[in-house]
Amino acid sequence: MRNRDENKELMIREKAIAMIVNEGFDGLSMQKLAKEVNISASTIYIYFKNREDLLNKLYMGVQEKFEKDALTGFSPEMSFADGLWLQWKNRLKNINQHPVAYQFYEQFRNSPLINHEDIKPATFRKAMNDFFSNAIKRGEIKDLSPELYWAIAYGPFYTLVRFHLSNANMAGTAFSLTEKKLKKALELVLAALAA
């Protein structure tokens, strides 16, 4: 068996993610990927068992990086306003640094092609749930169902991110997400959730 080369694996991952974002999952074949990376198709199988394994590992890698970045400097004990602001900033920083990976993540997050049983985001999920619960206990936000909370706390953020990534708002006018716009959206979200 040939030795694994971390740089080669990274190139395979990056090209596969870009191909999937641009052409969809059906547009990805091991032959096309090998050609893009300038390797033989058999080399891909040193790193991945098959196409499903490749997709799952790509998804898990993107998710792990996103969650790690989102939790940078974050504590579930933070005040709600400070914690939510940090979450938004961390998430936006990750998305701006890795826009293609984010598009891949969004494209396949709810896909039946992903083996969700292999994905264990326990640390991230626990931190987010504790943050939400602590804010309710401290009387900082209304006692809402988790679904309503997530929709209100993160829905506006992700809508602005979509506008930002497409460089246009709903009317087709040029749009860029600035810190000023993000802070204004946060103010409105905090007001909507305030106890």
Foldseek 3Di string as FASTA:
>chain_A
DDDDDPVLQVLLLVLQLLQCLVPNLVSDDLCVSCVVSVHHSVNVCVPAVHSLRSLQVSLQVLVVVLLVQLCVVAALLDALLVRLLSNLVSNLVSCVVPVSSVSSNVVPVPPPSHPCVPHDPPVSVVRVVSSVVNNVVVQFFPPDDPVVLCCLSCVVSVQLVVCQVVQAHPVRHGDHDDPVNVVVSSVVSSVVGHD
